[in-house]
Amino acid sequence: MGDVIGDLRRMAATLGTLGRDGAARLEAAYQALVRSKDRQPLTEEAGGPALGSVRSPLSEYPASGLTPTRLAEILRAADAGDARAYLELAEQMEELDLHYAGVLATRKRTCAQEPMQVIAVSDDPRHVRHADLVRRWARRPEVALDLFQMLDGIGKGLSVVEVVWRQEADGCWLPERLAWRDPRWFRLDLADLSTPMLLGDDGFPQPLPPAKFIVHIHPNKSGIPLRSGVARLAAWTFMFKSFTSKDWQLFVAVYAQPLRVGKYHNSATEKDRDVLWEAVRNIGADCAAIIPETMAIQFIDAKNVGAGAGVYQARVDWLNRELSKAVLGQTATTEGQQGSHAVGKVHRQVQADISHHDALALAATLSRTLCRWIVDVNFGPQAQHPWLRLGKDEPGDLAQLSQAIALLVPLGLTVAVDDVRDWFGLSTPDQNAAVLRAPQSPVASPPMVLPPPAPAAGQEGDGGAAQLSALLSGLPAPTGPERLTATVSRLSRPTERVWLMAAAALLDRCTDLHEFADRLPELLAHLDGRDLAGLVGDAMTAAHLGGVSDVQDTVAADRTDG
């Protein structure tokens, strides 16, 4: 115990800490930078490699001759803040274990290629300009490669990239590139074992300069970063599999060919025995030998040796499956297992859930750092900043969203246009850009209303009935019920369309027609039928008045005939 405490004290003297007010001091330095007009420090690389310095690109090889005792020492040192050997081991694991390299690269590439959306804080023109500036950086073709570098934290627990800034032609400051920095060149603050500090040229840790380093701590599990990476989980599997692979290789080298026994006569000289031994030893590789006629070579096959080879393969396969579960959460996409479609679908969904979690974690890091820095460096300190979203909606989600917007907007729901663009990953078009527009509907001609004729003598008491009769007599054919039915049908189409879309959306969410019938009253309770009821009432009134007019015309005709 005393040795451990002594080691920690020596390490503390070397590493140093930021102190309790470290976060406040880092924030103060950041505020001073964004309020200053001097942007030159942003263009200079502060954490690049230098041969012969503490930030050397040369690495040790702790995986060579790795034993359980040595692995335990490496992990304990990482828990105490000295992670150099652990990070070097994690690097070697990706180079030596093909299965681990494959599943880890699959997980990183899946997340790095997700589409990126920049979400504005609000529809305020100022916030829209902030989001548009971040979108300029997000459209760079190298962004996917930058995200892949940041996802190095999946394996090691944390990753660091340095932001190298550049002033654009229009005066805006944007990141030119995100340069990966070896995590061995950083030390974790002993106060929390979570805050990285850069090793300076003098070998002592120093606080990270503001707006320069993005530290992505990937939360595979709760705890300090160096215990969160999947390399920590895979280290023991890597070591055990290396033992099994070596034993398997020795087994193949010894038992791949039958045992060779050379026999010599009692009168054979020392030289004769040397010749026989050379022939027996090399016959496995050369498949040919020359021996004297008085000597004999016998090949002995071990009938039960083949069964032992399956033990090594079964163990390696089992370790690979466990490794796939740790990295991808499933085995169906890596082991080529035979199974039902439902099982394969479930395994795919598990992998999709893990990729979605990776995207959320990476987007949170970029929103907290790069989005804020781009806005503050160009517009000064802001209270709110745009945020990033990685990943795409399922096709069904966007289709349902489109149906919901078409259904609810005519009913009075207000939706921000920028929100819709963000959902679909569309940018705000420039003023002179060619845009798609809704087709212009033809403008309907206003209905022709004829003035009522002057009442004839003796008809002053007929009132509205006479005027209605005069109006109906001036309308074009068809008249009567046919024209009234066509008018009601045309005016009711918008309301009918909204109701049908609502019914279609409900039908998509139901498993069968019985569930649809049970939930239909629930839908009807939320639909507004006042417009349709008013239209039916007006139609009934017009029909009534039309009937009255017909009666008046018939009576007047009878009087004339009489």
Protein backbone atom coordinates (compact mmCIF):
# COMPACT_ATOMS: atom_id res chain seq x y z
CA MET A 1 0.00 0.00 0.00
CA GLY A 2 2.85 2.36 0.80
CA ASP A 3 4.39 1.79 -2.63
CA VAL A 4 1.10 2.70 -4.32
CA ILE A 5 0.78 5.91 -2.29
CA GLY A 6 4.37 6.81 -3.09
CA ASP A 7 3.78 6.24 -6.78
CA LEU A 8 0.69 8.44 -6.67
CA ARG A 9 2.58 11.23 -4.94
CA ARG A 10 5.37 11.12 -7.51
CA MET A 11 2.79 11.10 -10.28
CA ALA A 12 0.99 14.08 -8.75
CA ALA A 13 4.22 16.05 -8.70
CA THR A 14 4.72 15.29 -12.39
CA LEU A 15 1.17 15.70 -13.61
CA GLY A 16 -0.12 18.64 -11.62
CA THR A 17 -3.77 19.64 -11.39
CA LEU A 18 -5.96 22.54 -12.41
CA GLY A 19 -7.33 22.97 -8.90
CA ARG A 20 -10.89 23.42 -7.74
CA ASP A 21 -11.42 26.55 -9.81
CA GLY A 22 -9.93 24.97 -12.94
CA ALA A 23 -13.17 25.01 -14.92
CA ALA A 24 -13.77 28.69 -14.05
CA ARG A 25 -10.25 29.65 -15.14
CA LEU A 26 -10.64 27.79 -18.44
CA GLU A 27 -13.95 29.55 -19.11
CA ALA A 28 -12.39 32.94 -18.28
CA ALA A 29 -9.60 32.29 -20.78
CA TYR A 30 -12.18 31.36 -23.42
CA GLN A 31 -14.22 34.51 -22.82
CA ALA A 32 -11.09 36.64 -23.09
CA LEU A 33 -10.26 35.04 -26.45
CA VAL A 34 -13.67 35.54 -28.06
CA ARG A 35 -13.89 39.13 -26.83
CA SER A 36 -10.45 39.93 -28.19
CA LYS A 37 -9.88 40.88 -31.83
CA ASP A 38 -6.64 38.89 -32.03
CA ARG A 39 -7.36 35.58 -33.77
CA GLN A 40 -3.76 34.64 -34.54
CA PRO A 41 -3.56 32.00 -31.74
CA LEU A 42 -6.36 30.09 -33.45
CA THR A 43 -4.27 29.51 -36.58
CA GLU A 44 -1.22 28.11 -34.76
CA GLU A 45 -0.87 24.41 -33.95
CA ALA A 46 -0.32 23.95 -30.24
CA GLY A 47 -0.26 20.18 -29.85
CA GLY A 48 1.54 18.79 -32.88
CA PRO A 49 4.18 16.06 -32.69
CA ALA A 50 7.86 16.80 -32.33
CA LEU A 51 10.57 14.16 -32.64
CA GLY A 52 12.76 14.08 -29.56
CA SER A 53 10.16 15.86 -27.37
CA VAL A 54 7.58 14.49 -24.97
CA ARG A 55 5.10 14.49 -27.87
CA SER A 56 6.96 11.91 -29.90
CA PRO A 57 5.15 9.83 -32.53
CA LEU A 58 7.27 6.80 -31.58
CA SER A 59 5.50 4.19 -29.50
CA GLU A 60 6.26 1.24 -27.27
CA TYR A 61 4.79 -2.25 -27.84
CA PRO A 62 3.26 -3.48 -24.57
CA ALA A 63 1.32 -6.26 -26.34
CA SER A 64 4.55 -8.14 -27.05
CA GLY A 65 4.89 -10.84 -24.41
CA LEU A 66 1.78 -9.65 -22.59
CA THR A 67 0.98 -11.65 -19.45
CA PRO A 68 -1.92 -11.42 -16.98
CA THR A 69 0.36 -9.79 -14.41
CA ARG A 70 1.61 -7.20 -16.89
CA LEU A 71 -1.93 -6.45 -18.15
CA ALA A 72 -3.16 -5.89 -14.59
CA GLU A 73 -0.29 -3.45 -13.99
CA ILE A 74 -1.14 -1.52 -17.17
CA LEU A 75 -4.80 -1.19 -16.19
CA ARG A 76 -4.03 -0.15 -12.62
CA ALA A 77 -1.62 2.52 -13.85
CA ALA A 78 -4.31 3.87 -16.19
CA ASP A 79 -6.77 4.04 -13.28
CA ALA A 80 -4.23 6.16 -11.40
CA GLY A 81 -3.80 8.59 -14.30
CA ASP A 82 -0.76 7.14 -16.10
CA ALA A 83 -2.43 5.86 -19.29
CA ARG A 84 0.51 5.79 -21.70
CA ALA A 85 0.97 1.99 -21.70
CA TYR A 86 -2.80 1.40 -21.82
CA LEU A 87 -3.25 3.68 -24.84
CA GLU A 88 -0.33 2.01 -26.61
CA LEU A 89 -1.89 -1.38 -25.89
CA ALA A 90 -5.24 -0.22 -27.27
CA GLU A 91 -3.46 0.89 -30.44
CA GLN A 92 -1.71 -2.46 -30.83
CA MET A 93 -4.94 -4.37 -30.29
CA GLU A 94 -6.40 -2.73 -33.40
CA GLU A 95 -3.32 -3.79 -35.36
CA LEU A 96 -2.92 -7.38 -34.12
CA ASP A 97 -6.47 -8.62 -33.57
CA LEU A 98 -8.22 -8.68 -36.94
CA HIS A 99 -11.65 -9.39 -35.49
CA TYR A 100 -11.42 -6.54 -32.98
CA ALA A 101 -10.17 -4.19 -35.70
CA GLY A 102 -13.08 -5.16 -37.96
CA VAL A 103 -15.93 -4.74 -35.48
CA LEU A 104 -14.50 -1.53 -34.02
CA ALA A 105 -14.01 0.01 -37.48
CA THR A 106 -17.56 -1.01 -38.40
CA ARG A 107 -18.93 0.81 -35.40
CA LYS A 108 -16.87 3.94 -36.07
CA ARG A 109 -17.64 4.09 -39.80
CA THR A 110 -21.36 3.57 -39.22
CA CYS A 111 -21.53 6.63 -36.98
CA ALA A 112 -19.08 8.79 -38.96
CA GLN A 113 -21.16 8.51 -42.14
CA GLU A 114 -24.43 9.61 -40.54
CA PRO A 115 -25.90 12.78 -42.09
CA MET A 116 -25.40 15.93 -40.06
CA GLN A 117 -28.12 18.49 -39.33
CA VAL A 118 -27.57 21.92 -37.78
CA ILE A 119 -30.54 23.05 -35.70
CA ALA A 120 -31.09 26.77 -35.13
CA VAL A 121 -32.14 27.90 -31.66
CA SER A 122 -35.16 29.79 -32.99
CA ASP A 123 -36.55 31.52 -36.07
CA ASP A 124 -34.90 34.77 -35.06
CA PRO A 125 -32.84 36.02 -38.07
CA ARG A 126 -29.80 36.29 -35.80
CA HIS A 127 -30.06 32.65 -34.75
CA VAL A 128 -30.63 31.59 -38.35
CA ARG A 129 -27.38 33.33 -39.38
CA HIS A 130 -25.55 31.48 -36.60
CA ALA A 131 -26.86 28.13 -37.80
CA ASP A 132 -26.08 28.93 -41.45
CA LEU A 133 -22.46 29.68 -40.54
CA VAL A 134 -22.11 26.32 -38.78
CA ARG A 135 -23.69 24.65 -41.83
CA ARG A 136 -20.89 26.10 -43.97
CA TRP A 137 -18.42 24.06 -41.94
CA ALA A 138 -20.68 20.98 -41.86
CA ARG A 139 -20.82 20.84 -45.69
CA ARG A 140 -17.06 20.30 -46.00
CA PRO A 141 -16.31 16.93 -47.65
CA GLU A 142 -13.72 16.11 -44.97
CA VAL A 143 -16.24 16.23 -42.12
CA ALA A 144 -16.88 12.45 -42.19
CA LEU A 145 -13.13 11.80 -41.87
CA ASP A 146 -12.91 14.26 -38.96
CA LEU A 147 -15.77 12.50 -37.19
CA PHE A 148 -14.03 9.14 -37.71
CA GLN A 149 -10.94 10.50 -35.95
CA MET A 150 -13.03 11.74 -33.03
CA LEU A 151 -14.65 8.30 -32.71
CA ASP A 152 -11.28 6.91 -31.68
CA GLY A 153 -12.72 7.51 -28.23
CA ILE A 154 -15.00 4.48 -28.64
CA GLY A 155 -12.03 2.19 -28.22
CA LYS A 156 -9.80 4.21 -25.89
CA GLY A 157 -12.41 6.08 -23.87
CA LEU A 158 -11.40 9.53 -25.08
CA SER A 159 -10.01 11.16 -28.20
CA VAL A 160 -8.57 14.60 -28.87
CA VAL A 161 -8.51 16.63 -32.09
CA GLU A 162 -6.98 20.06 -32.54
CA VAL A 163 -8.96 22.71 -34.41
CA VAL A 164 -6.87 24.62 -36.94
CA TRP A 165 -8.76 27.79 -37.90
CA ARG A 166 -8.71 29.83 -41.10
CA GLN A 167 -10.21 33.17 -42.08
CA GLU A 168 -12.46 32.88 -45.12
CA ALA A 169 -12.63 35.39 -47.97
CA ASP A 170 -15.69 37.05 -46.45
CA GLY A 171 -13.91 37.54 -43.11
CA CYS A 172 -15.56 34.64 -41.25
CA TRP A 173 -13.40 32.35 -39.13
CA LEU A 174 -14.05 28.64 -39.68
CA PRO A 175 -12.15 25.43 -38.84
CA GLU A 176 -9.87 24.49 -41.72
CA ARG A 177 -9.28 20.98 -40.38
CA LEU A 178 -9.53 18.86 -37.26
CA ALA A 179 -6.11 17.29 -36.65
CA TRP A 180 -6.03 14.05 -34.64
CA ARG A 181 -3.74 14.21 -31.65
CA ASP A 182 -2.28 11.16 -29.96
CA PRO A 183 -3.98 10.82 -26.55
CA ARG A 184 -0.57 9.79 -25.13
CA TRP A 185 0.41 13.46 -25.36
CA PHE A 186 -2.13 14.40 -22.70
CA ARG A 187 -2.47 13.76 -18.99
CA LEU A 188 -5.68 13.66 -17.00
CA ASP A 189 -6.14 16.09 -14.15
CA LEU A 190 -5.74 14.11 -10.91
CA ALA A 191 -8.58 16.09 -9.35
CA ASP A 192 -11.19 14.29 -11.48
CA LEU A 193 -9.26 11.97 -13.86
CA SER A 194 -11.48 13.37 -16.64
CA THR A 195 -10.02 16.75 -17.68
CA PRO A 196 -7.15 16.36 -20.21
CA MET A 197 -4.10 18.60 -19.96
CA LEU A 198 -1.57 19.00 -22.78
CA LEU A 199 2.03 17.99 -22.21
CA GLY A 200 4.08 21.09 -22.92
CA ASP A 201 7.50 21.19 -24.49
CA ASP A 202 8.98 21.13 -20.97
CA GLY A 203 7.20 17.86 -20.22
CA PHE A 204 4.78 19.35 -17.66
CA PRO A 205 1.00 19.32 -18.17
CA GLN A 206 -0.65 22.61 -18.97
CA PRO A 207 -4.29 23.67 -19.50
CA LEU A 208 -5.66 23.33 -22.99
CA PRO A 209 -5.72 26.65 -24.89
CA PRO A 210 -9.27 27.93 -25.51
CA ALA A 211 -11.16 27.01 -28.71
CA LYS A 212 -8.36 24.73 -29.89
CA PHE A 213 -8.86 21.15 -28.64
CA ILE A 214 -12.04 19.09 -28.87
CA VAL A 215 -11.97 16.32 -26.29
CA HIS A 216 -14.54 13.61 -27.01
CA ILE A 217 -15.16 11.39 -24.00
CA HIS A 218 -17.23 8.49 -25.26
CA PRO A 219 -19.62 7.06 -22.63
CA ASN A 220 -19.61 3.34 -23.31
CA LYS A 221 -20.14 2.93 -19.58
CA SER A 222 -20.28 5.15 -16.54
CA GLY A 223 -17.03 6.07 -14.87
CA ILE A 224 -13.78 7.83 -15.66
CA PRO A 225 -12.91 8.01 -19.39
CA LEU A 226 -10.04 5.52 -19.32
CA ARG A 227 -12.34 2.84 -17.90
CA SER A 228 -15.08 3.56 -20.43
CA GLY A 229 -13.46 2.50 -23.71
CA VAL A 230 -14.24 -0.89 -25.22
CA ALA A 231 -10.48 -1.57 -25.36
CA ARG A 232 -10.68 -1.98 -21.59
CA LEU A 233 -13.31 -4.69 -22.06
CA ALA A 234 -11.47 -6.33 -24.94
CA ALA A 235 -7.98 -6.35 -23.37
CA TRP A 236 -8.42 -9.61 -21.49
CA THR A 237 -10.12 -11.27 -24.45
CA PHE A 238 -7.26 -10.10 -26.67
CA MET A 239 -4.68 -11.63 -24.33
CA PHE A 240 -6.50 -14.96 -23.93
CA LYS A 241 -7.07 -15.24 -27.66
CA SER A 242 -3.39 -14.56 -28.34
CA PHE A 243 -2.51 -17.44 -25.99
CA THR A 244 -4.96 -19.76 -27.76
CA SER A 245 -3.75 -18.71 -31.21
CA LYS A 246 -0.12 -19.41 -30.29
CA ASP A 247 -1.03 -22.83 -28.89
CA TRP A 248 -3.05 -23.55 -32.02
CA GLN A 249 -0.11 -22.57 -34.21
CA LEU A 250 2.24 -24.87 -32.29
CA PHE A 251 -0.30 -27.68 -32.52
CA VAL A 252 -0.57 -27.27 -36.28
CA ALA A 253 3.21 -27.14 -36.67
CA VAL A 254 3.69 -30.36 -34.70
CA TYR A 255 0.68 -32.47 -35.64
CA ALA A 256 -0.14 -31.26 -39.13
CA GLN A 257 2.11 -34.05 -40.44
CA PRO A 258 2.53 -37.57 -39.06
CA LEU A 259 5.27 -38.44 -36.62
CA ARG A 260 8.44 -39.52 -38.46
CA VAL A 261 10.60 -42.23 -36.95
CA GLY A 262 13.97 -43.09 -38.50
CA LYS A 263 15.55 -46.51 -37.94
CA TYR A 264 19.23 -47.30 -38.39
CA HIS A 265 21.24 -50.51 -38.13
CA ASN A 266 23.42 -51.27 -35.15
CA SER A 267 26.45 -51.00 -37.33
CA ALA A 268 25.57 -47.41 -38.43
CA THR A 269 28.30 -44.90 -37.80
CA GLU A 270 27.86 -41.46 -36.22
CA LYS A 271 27.84 -39.93 -39.69
CA ASP A 272 25.09 -42.32 -40.78
CA ARG A 273 22.95 -41.33 -37.81
CA ASP A 274 23.46 -37.63 -38.60
CA VAL A 275 22.30 -38.20 -42.16
CA LEU A 276 19.19 -40.02 -40.96
CA TRP A 277 18.37 -37.33 -38.41
CA GLU A 278 18.71 -34.58 -41.03
CA ALA A 279 16.39 -36.48 -43.35
CA VAL A 280 13.74 -37.06 -40.67
CA ARG A 281 13.86 -33.43 -39.51
CA ASN A 282 13.56 -31.91 -42.99
CA ILE A 283 11.17 -34.32 -44.60
CA GLY A 284 8.20 -32.37 -43.25
CA ALA A 285 9.19 -29.23 -45.10
CA ASP A 286 10.99 -30.65 -48.14
CA CYS A 287 8.76 -33.69 -48.67
CA ALA A 288 11.86 -35.47 -49.99
CA ALA A 289 14.93 -37.12 -48.53
CA ILE A 290 17.78 -39.42 -49.50
CA ILE A 291 18.87 -42.11 -47.06
CA PRO A 292 21.05 -45.23 -47.36
CA GLU A 293 19.33 -48.46 -48.27
CA THR A 294 20.10 -49.92 -44.86
CA MET A 295 18.01 -47.19 -43.12
CA ALA A 296 14.22 -46.87 -42.84
CA ILE A 297 11.77 -44.05 -42.05
CA GLN A 298 8.33 -44.85 -40.59
CA PHE A 299 5.34 -42.46 -40.59
CA ILE A 300 3.00 -42.80 -37.59
CA ASP A 301 -0.47 -41.18 -37.70
CA ALA A 302 -2.25 -40.23 -34.46
CA LYS A 303 -5.89 -41.09 -35.09
CA ASN A 304 -7.28 -38.93 -32.27
CA VAL A 305 -5.14 -35.83 -32.88
CA GLY A 306 -7.66 -34.16 -35.21
CA ALA A 307 -10.22 -33.85 -32.43
CA GLY A 308 -7.83 -31.65 -30.43
CA ALA A 309 -7.65 -29.03 -33.20
CA GLY A 310 -11.36 -28.26 -32.77
CA VAL A 311 -10.79 -27.17 -29.17
CA TYR A 312 -8.61 -24.25 -30.25
CA GLN A 313 -10.98 -23.15 -33.00
CA ALA A 314 -14.01 -23.38 -30.71
CA ARG A 315 -12.29 -21.24 -28.11
CA VAL A 316 -11.20 -18.58 -30.63
CA ASP A 317 -14.71 -18.50 -32.11
CA TRP A 318 -16.25 -18.09 -28.65
CA LEU A 319 -13.87 -15.25 -27.78
CA ASN A 320 -14.69 -13.54 -31.09
CA ARG A 321 -18.42 -13.78 -30.36
CA GLU A 322 -17.92 -12.28 -26.92
CA LEU A 323 -15.88 -9.49 -28.51
CA SER A 324 -18.63 -8.81 -31.05
CA LYS A 325 -21.16 -8.51 -28.24
CA ALA A 326 -18.96 -6.01 -26.40
CA VAL A 327 -18.37 -3.79 -29.46
CA LEU A 328 -21.48 -4.21 -31.63
CA GLY A 329 -23.94 -5.61 -29.13
CA GLN A 330 -24.73 -8.62 -31.33
CA THR A 331 -23.14 -11.41 -33.38
CA ALA A 332 -25.39 -11.95 -36.40
CA THR A 333 -23.57 -9.44 -38.61
CA THR A 334 -20.09 -10.80 -37.84
CA GLU A 335 -20.37 -14.56 -37.38
CA GLY A 336 -22.56 -15.50 -40.36
CA GLN A 337 -24.97 -17.36 -38.11
CA GLN A 338 -27.95 -19.16 -39.53
CA GLY A 339 -31.21 -18.11 -37.98
CA SER A 340 -34.66 -16.77 -38.57
CA HIS A 341 -35.36 -13.44 -40.19
CA ALA A 342 -36.80 -12.18 -36.89
CA VAL A 343 -33.55 -12.93 -35.02
CA GLY A 344 -31.49 -11.15 -37.68
CA LYS A 345 -33.83 -8.16 -37.52
CA VAL A 346 -33.47 -7.95 -33.74
CA HIS A 347 -29.66 -8.09 -33.99
CA ARG A 348 -29.69 -5.34 -36.60
CA GLN A 349 -31.90 -3.22 -34.35
CA VAL A 350 -29.44 -3.67 -31.46
CA GLN A 351 -26.58 -2.47 -33.67
CA ALA A 352 -28.71 0.47 -34.83
CA ASP A 353 -29.42 1.43 -31.20
CA ILE A 354 -25.70 1.45 -30.39
CA SER A 355 -24.95 3.54 -33.49
CA HIS A 356 -27.69 5.97 -32.50
CA HIS A 357 -26.12 6.29 -29.04
CA ASP A 358 -22.69 6.93 -30.58
CA ALA A 359 -24.21 9.65 -32.78
CA LEU A 360 -25.91 11.31 -29.81
CA ALA A 361 -22.68 11.36 -27.80
CA LEU A 362 -20.61 12.77 -30.68
CA ALA A 363 -23.23 15.38 -31.57
CA ALA A 364 -23.35 16.51 -27.93
CA THR A 365 -19.56 17.00 -27.91
CA LEU A 366 -19.58 19.00 -31.16
CA SER A 367 -22.56 21.11 -30.05
CA ARG A 368 -20.88 21.93 -26.74
CA THR A 369 -17.56 22.84 -28.35
CA LEU A 370 -17.31 23.53 -32.07
CA CYS A 371 -20.80 24.99 -32.61
CA ARG A 372 -20.30 27.35 -29.71
CA TRP A 373 -16.80 28.32 -30.80
CA ILE A 374 -17.76 29.09 -34.41
CA VAL A 375 -20.57 31.39 -33.30
CA ASP A 376 -18.68 33.15 -30.49
CA VAL A 377 -15.52 33.69 -32.53
CA ASN A 378 -17.48 35.35 -35.34
CA PHE A 379 -20.34 37.07 -33.50
CA GLY A 380 -19.00 37.50 -29.98
CA PRO A 381 -20.20 35.68 -26.85
CA GLN A 382 -23.79 34.47 -27.22
CA ALA A 383 -26.27 33.19 -24.68
CA GLN A 384 -27.56 30.47 -27.02
CA HIS A 385 -25.93 28.50 -29.80
CA PRO A 386 -27.09 26.14 -32.57
CA TRP A 387 -26.71 22.46 -31.99
CA LEU A 388 -25.92 19.43 -34.12
CA ARG A 389 -27.85 16.29 -34.80
CA LEU A 390 -26.25 13.20 -36.31
CA GLY A 391 -28.36 10.52 -37.94
CA LYS A 392 -31.33 10.30 -40.21
CA ASP A 393 -34.98 9.66 -39.51
CA GLU A 394 -36.48 6.44 -40.67
CA PRO A 395 -38.39 6.84 -43.98
CA GLY A 396 -41.62 6.02 -42.20
CA ASP A 397 -41.02 8.77 -39.64
CA LEU A 398 -40.60 11.46 -42.31
CA ALA A 399 -43.64 10.18 -44.20
CA GLN A 400 -45.76 10.31 -41.06
CA LEU A 401 -44.38 13.74 -40.24
CA SER A 402 -45.39 14.99 -43.70
CA GLN A 403 -48.89 13.59 -43.26
CA ALA A 404 -49.20 15.14 -39.81
CA ILE A 405 -48.14 18.57 -41.11
CA ALA A 406 -50.60 18.35 -44.02
CA LEU A 407 -53.33 17.33 -41.57
CA LEU A 408 -52.73 19.78 -38.74
CA VAL A 409 -51.71 22.97 -40.55
CA PRO A 410 -55.15 23.38 -42.22
CA LEU A 411 -56.68 22.95 -38.76
CA GLY A 412 -54.75 25.92 -37.39
CA LEU A 413 -51.42 24.46 -36.18
CA THR A 414 -48.49 26.82 -36.81
CA VAL A 415 -45.16 25.20 -37.75
CA ALA A 416 -41.85 27.05 -38.12
CA VAL A 417 -40.42 26.70 -41.63
CA ASP A 418 -36.87 26.41 -40.25
CA ASP A 419 -37.93 23.49 -38.06
CA VAL A 420 -39.29 21.65 -41.09
CA ARG A 421 -36.06 22.29 -43.00
CA ASP A 422 -34.03 20.98 -40.06
CA TRP A 423 -36.15 17.82 -39.84
CA PHE A 424 -35.57 17.06 -43.50
CA GLY A 425 -31.93 18.18 -43.49
CA LEU A 426 -32.55 21.09 -45.87
CA SER A 427 -30.73 24.41 -45.73
CA THR A 428 -32.24 27.87 -46.01
CA PRO A 429 -32.05 28.89 -49.72
CA ASP A 430 -30.16 32.01 -50.68
CA GLN A 431 -32.04 34.99 -51.98
CA ASN A 432 -31.07 34.36 -55.61
CA ALA A 433 -31.14 30.57 -55.49
CA ALA A 434 -33.48 28.57 -57.72
CA VAL A 435 -36.14 27.07 -55.46
CA LEU A 436 -39.04 24.67 -55.81
CA ARG A 437 -42.45 26.18 -55.19
CA ALA A 438 -45.96 24.90 -54.85
CA PRO A 439 -47.90 25.03 -58.14
CA GLN A 440 -50.03 28.12 -58.48
CA SER A 441 -53.73 27.27 -58.44
CA PRO A 442 -55.85 29.13 -61.00
CA VAL A 443 -57.68 32.13 -59.62
CA ALA A 444 -61.39 31.48 -59.66
CA SER A 445 -63.55 34.10 -61.29
CA PRO A 446 -65.90 35.83 -58.88
CA PRO A 447 -69.46 34.58 -59.15
CA MET A 448 -71.73 36.73 -61.27
CA VAL A 449 -74.54 38.19 -59.20
CA LEU A 450 -77.40 39.73 -61.14
CA PRO A 451 -79.23 42.64 -59.57
CA PRO A 452 -82.80 41.80 -58.67
CA PRO A 453 -85.36 43.14 -61.17
CA ALA A 454 -87.75 45.77 -60.11
CA PRO A 455 -90.92 44.28 -58.67
CA ALA A 456 -93.86 44.24 -61.01
CA ALA A 457 -97.08 45.94 -60.17
CA GLY A 458 -98.99 44.05 -57.60
CA GLN A 459 -95.95 42.05 -56.41
CA GLU A 460 -94.53 44.42 -53.84
CA GLY A 461 -95.55 42.02 -51.05
CA ASP A 462 -93.66 38.99 -52.44
CA GLY A 463 -90.33 40.19 -50.87
CA GLY A 464 -87.32 37.78 -50.87
CA ALA A 465 -89.12 35.00 -52.71
CA ALA A 466 -89.50 37.18 -55.79
CA GLN A 467 -85.87 38.26 -55.67
CA LEU A 468 -84.67 34.65 -55.26
CA SER A 469 -86.83 33.58 -58.17
CA ALA A 470 -85.30 36.32 -60.29
CA LEU A 471 -81.79 35.30 -59.28
CA LEU A 472 -82.37 31.60 -60.03
CA SER A 473 -83.88 32.45 -63.38
CA GLY A 474 -80.63 34.20 -64.39
CA LEU A 475 -78.27 31.36 -63.42
CA PRO A 476 -76.77 29.16 -66.15
CA ALA A 477 -77.79 25.53 -66.58
CA PRO A 478 -77.81 23.12 -64.90
CA THR A 479 -80.13 24.51 -62.27
CA GLY A 480 -81.97 23.01 -59.40
CA PRO A 481 -80.71 19.98 -57.40
CA GLU A 482 -77.93 19.06 -59.86
CA ARG A 483 -76.20 22.41 -59.57
CA LEU A 484 -76.65 22.53 -55.80
CA THR A 485 -75.15 19.03 -55.39
CA ALA A 486 -72.12 19.89 -57.53
CA THR A 487 -71.50 23.09 -55.57
CA VAL A 488 -71.71 21.34 -52.19
CA SER A 489 -69.34 18.59 -53.40
CA ARG A 490 -66.77 21.10 -54.59
CA LEU A 491 -66.85 23.15 -51.40
CA SER A 492 -66.58 20.11 -49.13
CA ARG A 493 -63.47 18.63 -50.78
CA PRO A 494 -60.85 20.36 -48.55
CA THR A 495 -62.53 19.12 -45.37
CA GLU A 496 -62.99 15.65 -46.84
CA ARG A 497 -59.29 15.53 -47.80
CA VAL A 498 -58.21 16.38 -44.24
CA TRP A 499 -60.50 13.72 -42.79
CA LEU A 500 -59.28 11.06 -45.23
CA MET A 501 -55.60 11.83 -44.47
CA ALA A 502 -56.30 11.55 -40.75
CA ALA A 503 -58.01 8.20 -41.29
CA ALA A 504 -55.10 6.97 -43.44
CA ALA A 505 -52.57 7.97 -40.75
CA LEU A 506 -54.60 6.12 -38.12
CA LEU A 507 -54.82 3.04 -40.37
CA ASP A 508 -51.02 2.97 -40.74
CA ARG A 509 -50.63 2.82 -36.95
CA CYS A 510 -53.15 -0.02 -36.53
CA THR A 511 -52.30 -3.69 -36.82
CA ASP A 512 -55.65 -4.77 -38.32
CA LEU A 513 -59.08 -3.43 -39.31
CA HIS A 514 -60.59 -4.39 -35.97
CA GLU A 515 -58.21 -2.08 -34.14
CA PHE A 516 -58.94 0.62 -36.72
CA ALA A 517 -62.69 0.30 -36.12
CA ASP A 518 -62.17 0.49 -32.36
CA ARG A 519 -60.03 3.63 -32.59
CA LEU A 520 -62.10 5.43 -35.22
CA PRO A 521 -64.38 7.14 -32.65
CA GLU A 522 -61.24 8.46 -30.96
CA LEU A 523 -60.21 10.06 -34.27
CA LEU A 524 -63.64 11.54 -34.91
CA ALA A 525 -63.58 13.19 -31.50
CA HIS A 526 -60.54 15.26 -32.57
CA LEU A 527 -61.81 16.30 -36.01
CA ASP A 528 -63.49 19.67 -36.40
CA GLY A 529 -66.71 19.30 -38.37
CA ARG A 530 -67.98 22.84 -37.97
CA ASP A 531 -67.04 23.85 -41.52
CA LEU A 532 -68.78 20.85 -43.01
CA ALA A 533 -71.83 21.33 -40.79
CA GLY A 534 -72.08 24.95 -41.82
CA LEU A 535 -71.80 23.98 -45.47
CA VAL A 536 -74.59 21.41 -45.11
CA GLY A 537 -76.75 23.98 -43.32
CA ASP A 538 -76.23 26.52 -46.10
CA ALA A 539 -77.05 23.88 -48.70
CA MET A 540 -80.28 22.97 -46.89
CA THR A 541 -81.21 26.65 -46.70
CA ALA A 542 -80.52 27.12 -50.41
CA ALA A 543 -82.53 24.00 -51.22
CA HIS A 544 -85.40 25.26 -49.11
CA LEU A 545 -85.34 28.66 -50.76
CA GLY A 546 -85.08 27.02 -54.17
CA GLY A 547 -88.15 24.94 -53.40
CA VAL A 548 -90.03 28.01 -52.28
CA SER A 549 -89.03 29.76 -55.49
CA ASP A 550 -90.25 26.80 -57.56
CA VAL A 551 -93.59 26.91 -55.76
CA GLN A 552 -93.91 30.63 -56.37
CA ASP A 553 -93.16 30.16 -60.07
CA THR A 554 -95.73 27.36 -60.33
CA VAL A 555 -98.41 29.47 -58.61
CA ALA A 556 -97.65 32.46 -60.83
CA ALA A 557 -97.86 30.28 -63.95
CA ASP A 558 -101.18 28.82 -62.86
CA ARG A 559 -102.58 32.29 -62.31
CA THR A 560 -101.46 33.40 -65.72
CA ASP A 561 -103.00 30.35 -67.39
CA GLY A 562 -106.17 30.86 -65.45
